[in-house]
Each structure stands twice: as structure tokens, then as C-alpha cells.
């Protein structure tokens, strides 16, 4: 099989900065509760949905945002989504983000403790 050339794409989950409305049905329902804030903000869910779309259409994504924007939750939700599909995910992140829970041998621990 010949792999088609993938075109990079820049997308943002910030309200008002994107013309694209994310398809949040791509994110498993059981992960939604970790990605929607208590006050109903959905930017983490939207970001995870857009990342999944990017991986499905281009083969990867780069998640970069300001401090406190929920990058860890989004990254772990995307990895968990692909694990649920029987796929593997490579996460490139500072060790301090995942090290505290690495010894528990699971990515779900950090979401559940947050």
C-alpha cells in the first residue's frame, strides 16, 4: 500500500479563533467528564476532538497552548482514545507531567487524580 502524502494543518480550540467546529463524538463519551470544566467550558473537549481529527487525517498533532489550558488532559484523552481503538500512541512531554503517575503504569491515574 502506498501512503498518501499528508498535509500539515494548523488548528486551534480557542473560541473565536477557529472556523472549524470540532466533532466531539470522536472523543469517547466516558472521557467527556474529564474534559468539560465544572462551569461548562468545553475547550479541552474541543481540543481533544481536533487533535483526534488531526491524527486521523494527517498522522499526528502538536498540542501547544498557554499555561493552565488543559494540555495534559487533552493529550491523555487522545492517547486513551487510540488505546481504546487498539492503537498505540507516542507522547512527547516533559517528564514532570507524567512521572508522578508513571510508576502506577497507567495514564488514567493522572486524569482521575486531577
N, C-alpha and C. Protein backbone atom coordinates (compact mmCIF):
# COMPACT_ATOMS: atom_id res chain seq x y z
N UNK A 1 0.85 -1.18 0.00
CA UNK A 1 0.00 0.00 0.00
C UNK A 1 0.88 1.23 0.00
N UNK A 2 0.51 2.19 -0.80
CA UNK A 2 1.25 3.45 -0.89
C UNK A 2 0.59 4.45 0.03
N UNK A 3 1.39 5.04 0.90
CA UNK A 3 0.85 6.03 1.84
C UNK A 3 0.73 7.37 1.14
N UNK A 4 -0.43 7.96 1.26
CA UNK A 4 -0.68 9.26 0.65
C UNK A 4 0.09 10.33 1.40
N UNK A 5 0.52 11.36 0.68
CA UNK A 5 1.23 12.47 1.29
C UNK A 5 0.28 13.22 2.22
N UNK A 6 0.72 13.48 3.44
CA UNK A 6 -0.12 14.15 4.42
C UNK A 6 0.21 15.63 4.46
N UNK A 7 -0.83 16.46 4.50
CA UNK A 7 -0.67 17.90 4.52
C UNK A 7 -0.79 18.42 5.95
N UNK A 8 0.21 19.13 6.47
CA UNK A 8 0.11 19.67 7.82
C UNK A 8 -1.03 20.69 7.90
N UNK A 9 -1.60 20.82 9.08
CA UNK A 9 -2.72 21.73 9.28
C UNK A 9 -2.58 22.38 10.64
N UNK A 10 -2.85 23.68 10.72
CA UNK A 10 -2.82 24.38 11.99
C UNK A 10 -4.27 24.64 12.40
N UNK A 11 -4.61 24.18 13.60
CA UNK A 11 -5.96 24.39 14.12
C UNK A 11 -5.87 24.89 15.54
N UNK A 12 -6.91 25.51 16.01
CA UNK A 12 -6.94 26.00 17.39
C UNK A 12 -8.28 25.66 18.00
N UNK A 13 -8.29 25.39 19.30
CA UNK A 13 -9.54 25.09 20.00
C UNK A 13 -10.08 26.33 20.71
N UNK A 14 -9.42 27.45 20.58
CA UNK A 14 -9.86 28.67 21.26
C UNK A 14 -11.08 29.25 20.56
N UNK A 15 -12.08 29.55 21.35
CA UNK A 15 -13.30 30.14 20.80
C UNK A 15 -12.96 31.44 20.07
N UNK A 16 -13.55 31.62 18.93
CA UNK A 16 -13.34 32.83 18.15
C UNK A 16 -12.09 32.82 17.30
N UNK A 17 -11.23 31.81 17.44
CA UNK A 17 -10.00 31.77 16.66
C UNK A 17 -10.02 30.67 15.61
N UNK A 18 -11.11 29.96 15.51
CA UNK A 18 -11.17 28.85 14.57
C UNK A 18 -12.50 28.85 13.84
N UNK A 19 -12.46 28.57 12.56
CA UNK A 19 -13.68 28.45 11.77
C UNK A 19 -14.22 27.03 11.83
N UNK A 20 -13.42 26.13 12.36
CA UNK A 20 -13.77 24.72 12.41
C UNK A 20 -14.48 24.39 13.72
N UNK A 21 -15.62 23.74 13.64
CA UNK A 21 -16.33 23.28 14.84
C UNK A 21 -15.99 21.81 15.04
N UNK A 22 -15.36 21.46 16.16
CA UNK A 22 -14.90 20.09 16.36
C UNK A 22 -16.05 19.09 16.50
N UNK A 23 -15.81 17.88 16.03
CA UNK A 23 -16.75 16.78 16.16
C UNK A 23 -16.41 16.04 17.45
N UNK A 24 -17.03 16.43 18.55
CA UNK A 24 -16.70 15.85 19.84
C UNK A 24 -17.15 14.40 19.99
N UNK A 25 -17.92 13.90 19.02
CA UNK A 25 -18.31 12.48 19.08
C UNK A 25 -17.11 11.57 18.84
N UNK A 26 -16.01 12.12 18.34
CA UNK A 26 -14.77 11.35 18.14
C UNK A 26 -14.12 10.99 19.48
N UNK A 27 -14.44 11.75 20.53
CA UNK A 27 -13.90 11.51 21.86
C UNK A 27 -14.88 10.59 22.59
N UNK A 28 -14.42 9.45 23.10
CA UNK A 28 -15.33 8.54 23.82
C UNK A 28 -16.10 9.26 24.92
N UNK A 29 -17.37 8.98 25.01
CA UNK A 29 -18.25 9.66 25.99
C UNK A 29 -17.73 9.57 27.42
N UNK A 30 -17.12 8.44 27.78
CA UNK A 30 -16.64 8.29 29.15
C UNK A 30 -15.50 9.25 29.48
N UNK A 31 -14.88 9.86 28.48
CA UNK A 31 -13.81 10.83 28.73
C UNK A 31 -14.32 12.26 28.79
N UNK A 32 -15.53 12.51 28.34
CA UNK A 32 -16.07 13.88 28.32
C UNK A 32 -16.05 14.52 29.70
N UNK A 33 -16.37 13.76 30.75
CA UNK A 33 -16.45 14.33 32.10
C UNK A 33 -15.10 14.86 32.57
N UNK A 34 -14.00 14.37 32.02
CA UNK A 34 -12.67 14.85 32.39
C UNK A 34 -12.25 16.08 31.58
N UNK A 35 -13.01 16.36 30.51
CA UNK A 35 -12.60 17.40 29.57
C UNK A 35 -13.51 18.62 29.55
N UNK A 36 -14.62 18.57 30.27
CA UNK A 36 -15.52 19.72 30.36
C UNK A 36 -15.41 20.27 31.78
N UNK A 37 -15.14 21.56 31.89
CA UNK A 37 -14.95 22.16 33.21
C UNK A 37 -16.27 22.23 33.98
N UNK A 38 -16.18 22.38 35.30
CA UNK A 38 -17.41 22.45 36.10
C UNK A 38 -18.36 23.57 35.66
N UNK A 39 -17.80 24.64 35.10
CA UNK A 39 -18.66 25.74 34.63
C UNK A 39 -19.09 25.58 33.17
N UNK A 40 -18.83 24.40 32.60
CA UNK A 40 -19.34 24.08 31.26
C UNK A 40 -18.43 24.44 30.10
N UNK A 41 -17.24 24.95 30.37
CA UNK A 41 -16.32 25.28 29.27
C UNK A 41 -15.87 23.99 28.59
N UNK A 42 -15.86 24.00 27.27
CA UNK A 42 -15.56 22.78 26.50
C UNK A 42 -14.25 22.86 25.72
N UNK A 43 -13.39 23.84 25.99
CA UNK A 43 -12.19 23.98 25.16
C UNK A 43 -11.28 22.75 25.22
N UNK A 44 -11.23 22.04 26.35
CA UNK A 44 -10.40 20.83 26.42
C UNK A 44 -11.01 19.71 25.58
N UNK A 45 -12.32 19.54 25.64
CA UNK A 45 -13.00 18.55 24.81
C UNK A 45 -12.85 18.89 23.34
N UNK A 46 -13.03 20.16 23.01
CA UNK A 46 -12.85 20.61 21.62
C UNK A 46 -11.43 20.35 21.14
N UNK A 47 -10.45 20.66 21.99
CA UNK A 47 -9.05 20.44 21.62
C UNK A 47 -8.74 18.97 21.39
N UNK A 48 -9.25 18.11 22.26
CA UNK A 48 -9.03 16.67 22.09
C UNK A 48 -9.68 16.18 20.80
N UNK A 49 -10.88 16.66 20.51
CA UNK A 49 -11.58 16.26 19.28
C UNK A 49 -10.80 16.71 18.04
N UNK A 50 -10.26 17.93 18.09
CA UNK A 50 -9.48 18.42 16.95
C UNK A 50 -8.17 17.67 16.80
N UNK A 51 -7.56 17.28 17.92
CA UNK A 51 -6.33 16.50 17.86
C UNK A 51 -6.60 15.13 17.24
N UNK A 52 -7.70 14.51 17.63
CA UNK A 52 -8.06 13.21 17.06
C UNK A 52 -8.30 13.35 15.56
N UNK A 53 -8.99 14.41 15.17
CA UNK A 53 -9.20 14.67 13.74
C UNK A 53 -7.86 14.83 13.01
N UNK A 54 -6.94 15.56 13.63
CA UNK A 54 -5.63 15.79 13.02
C UNK A 54 -4.86 14.48 12.85
N UNK A 55 -4.89 13.63 13.88
CA UNK A 55 -4.19 12.34 13.80
C UNK A 55 -4.82 11.48 12.71
N UNK A 56 -6.15 11.44 12.69
CA UNK A 56 -6.84 10.63 11.68
C UNK A 56 -6.56 11.12 10.25
N UNK A 57 -6.45 12.44 10.07
CA UNK A 57 -6.30 12.98 8.71
C UNK A 57 -4.85 13.24 8.30
N UNK A 58 -3.96 13.53 9.27
CA UNK A 58 -2.59 13.87 8.89
C UNK A 58 -1.53 12.98 9.53
N UNK A 59 -1.93 12.17 10.50
CA UNK A 59 -0.97 11.26 11.12
C UNK A 59 -0.35 11.74 12.41
N UNK A 60 -0.66 12.96 12.85
CA UNK A 60 -0.09 13.45 14.10
C UNK A 60 -0.63 14.81 14.46
N UNK A 61 -0.18 15.33 15.61
CA UNK A 61 -0.57 16.68 16.01
C UNK A 61 0.43 17.20 17.02
N UNK A 62 0.46 18.51 17.16
CA UNK A 62 1.29 19.19 18.15
C UNK A 62 0.33 20.01 19.00
N UNK A 63 0.32 19.76 20.28
CA UNK A 63 -0.57 20.48 21.20
C UNK A 63 0.26 21.49 21.96
N UNK A 64 -0.02 22.76 21.74
CA UNK A 64 0.71 23.83 22.41
C UNK A 64 -0.29 24.92 22.77
N UNK A 65 -0.28 25.35 24.01
CA UNK A 65 -1.22 26.36 24.47
C UNK A 65 -0.64 27.00 25.72
N UNK A 66 -1.31 27.99 26.23
CA UNK A 66 -0.84 28.69 27.42
C UNK A 66 -0.92 27.83 28.66
N UNK A 67 -0.30 28.32 29.72
CA UNK A 67 -0.30 27.61 31.00
C UNK A 67 -1.73 27.46 31.52
N UNK A 68 -2.03 26.29 32.04
CA UNK A 68 -3.34 26.06 32.63
C UNK A 68 -4.46 25.84 31.65
N UNK A 69 -4.14 25.56 30.40
CA UNK A 69 -5.16 25.39 29.37
C UNK A 69 -5.66 23.94 29.25
N UNK A 70 -5.05 23.02 29.99
CA UNK A 70 -5.53 21.65 29.97
C UNK A 70 -4.85 20.73 28.97
N UNK A 71 -3.61 21.06 28.62
CA UNK A 71 -2.88 20.25 27.63
C UNK A 71 -2.70 18.80 28.08
N UNK A 72 -2.42 18.59 29.36
CA UNK A 72 -2.20 17.23 29.85
C UNK A 72 -3.46 16.40 29.69
N UNK A 73 -4.59 16.93 30.10
CA UNK A 73 -5.84 16.20 29.95
C UNK A 73 -6.15 15.90 28.49
N UNK A 74 -5.95 16.87 27.63
CA UNK A 74 -6.22 16.66 26.21
C UNK A 74 -5.32 15.57 25.64
N UNK A 75 -4.03 15.67 25.96
CA UNK A 75 -3.06 14.70 25.45
C UNK A 75 -3.40 13.29 25.91
N UNK A 76 -3.74 13.15 27.18
CA UNK A 76 -4.07 11.83 27.71
C UNK A 76 -5.40 11.31 27.16
N UNK A 77 -6.34 12.19 26.93
CA UNK A 77 -7.62 11.77 26.33
C UNK A 77 -7.41 11.26 24.91
N UNK A 78 -6.54 11.92 24.16
CA UNK A 78 -6.25 11.47 22.79
C UNK A 78 -5.55 10.10 22.84
N UNK A 79 -4.56 9.96 23.73
CA UNK A 79 -3.86 8.67 23.86
C UNK A 79 -4.84 7.57 24.27
N UNK A 80 -5.71 7.86 25.22
CA UNK A 80 -6.69 6.88 25.69
C UNK A 80 -7.66 6.51 24.56
N UNK A 81 -8.06 7.48 23.76
CA UNK A 81 -8.96 7.21 22.63
C UNK A 81 -8.33 6.20 21.68
N UNK A 82 -7.06 6.40 21.35
CA UNK A 82 -6.40 5.48 20.43
C UNK A 82 -6.14 4.12 21.08
N UNK A 83 -5.86 4.11 22.38
CA UNK A 83 -5.70 2.84 23.09
C UNK A 83 -7.00 2.05 23.04
N UNK A 84 -8.13 2.75 23.18
CA UNK A 84 -9.43 2.09 23.12
C UNK A 84 -9.71 1.55 21.72
N UNK A 85 -9.06 2.13 20.71
CA UNK A 85 -9.19 1.65 19.33
C UNK A 85 -8.19 0.54 19.02
N UNK A 86 -7.39 0.16 20.01
CA UNK A 86 -6.38 -0.87 19.80
C UNK A 86 -5.11 -0.36 19.16
N UNK A 87 -4.89 0.95 19.21
CA UNK A 87 -3.71 1.58 18.61
C UNK A 87 -2.75 2.03 19.71
N UNK A 88 -1.53 2.32 19.31
CA UNK A 88 -0.54 2.83 20.25
C UNK A 88 -0.37 4.32 20.00
N UNK A 89 0.03 5.04 21.04
CA UNK A 89 0.28 6.48 20.94
C UNK A 89 1.64 6.78 21.53
N UNK A 90 2.32 7.73 20.93
CA UNK A 90 3.60 8.21 21.46
C UNK A 90 3.35 9.60 22.01
N UNK A 91 3.68 9.79 23.27
CA UNK A 91 3.52 11.09 23.91
C UNK A 91 4.90 11.67 24.15
N UNK A 92 5.16 12.85 23.63
CA UNK A 92 6.41 13.55 23.87
C UNK A 92 6.06 14.73 24.77
N UNK A 93 6.52 14.67 26.01
CA UNK A 93 6.17 15.68 27.00
C UNK A 93 7.26 15.73 28.05
N UNK A 94 7.35 16.85 28.78
CA UNK A 94 8.30 16.91 29.88
C UNK A 94 8.00 15.79 30.89
N UNK A 95 9.03 15.16 31.41
CA UNK A 95 8.87 14.04 32.33
C UNK A 95 8.03 14.40 33.54
N UNK A 96 8.12 15.62 34.01
CA UNK A 96 7.39 16.04 35.20
C UNK A 96 5.89 15.96 35.05
N UNK A 97 5.41 15.97 33.83
CA UNK A 97 3.96 15.90 33.61
C UNK A 97 3.42 14.52 33.91
N UNK A 98 4.15 13.50 33.49
CA UNK A 98 3.62 12.14 33.65
C UNK A 98 4.39 11.31 34.68
N UNK A 99 5.56 11.75 35.10
CA UNK A 99 6.38 10.98 36.03
C UNK A 99 5.68 10.63 37.33
N UNK A 100 4.95 11.56 37.96
CA UNK A 100 4.34 11.22 39.26
C UNK A 100 3.44 9.98 39.20
N UNK A 101 2.82 9.73 38.07
CA UNK A 101 1.91 8.60 37.96
C UNK A 101 2.48 7.47 37.11
N UNK A 102 3.67 7.66 36.58
CA UNK A 102 4.27 6.64 35.70
C UNK A 102 4.43 5.32 36.44
N UNK A 103 4.80 5.40 37.71
CA UNK A 103 5.01 4.18 38.50
C UNK A 103 3.74 3.35 38.64
N UNK A 104 2.56 3.99 38.50
CA UNK A 104 1.29 3.26 38.57
C UNK A 104 0.99 2.53 37.27
N UNK A 105 1.83 2.74 36.22
CA UNK A 105 1.73 2.05 34.95
C UNK A 105 0.40 2.28 34.23
N UNK A 106 -0.14 3.49 34.38
CA UNK A 106 -1.39 3.80 33.70
C UNK A 106 -1.50 5.30 33.45
N UNK A 107 -2.06 5.67 32.31
CA UNK A 107 -2.29 7.09 32.05
C UNK A 107 -3.59 7.58 32.65
N UNK A 108 -4.48 6.67 32.99
CA UNK A 108 -5.77 7.10 33.53
C UNK A 108 -5.64 7.64 34.95
N UNK A 109 -4.58 7.29 35.64
CA UNK A 109 -4.39 7.74 37.02
C UNK A 109 -4.31 9.25 37.08
N UNK A 110 -3.57 9.87 36.19
CA UNK A 110 -3.40 11.32 36.25
C UNK A 110 -4.71 12.05 35.99
N UNK A 111 -5.54 11.52 35.10
CA UNK A 111 -6.84 12.15 34.84
C UNK A 111 -7.73 11.99 36.06
N UNK A 112 -7.75 10.82 36.65
CA UNK A 112 -8.63 10.57 37.79
C UNK A 112 -8.23 11.35 39.02
N UNK A 113 -6.95 11.66 39.18
CA UNK A 113 -6.48 12.42 40.35
C UNK A 113 -6.64 13.92 40.17
N UNK A 114 -6.73 14.37 38.95
CA UNK A 114 -6.77 15.81 38.65
C UNK A 114 -8.10 16.42 39.02
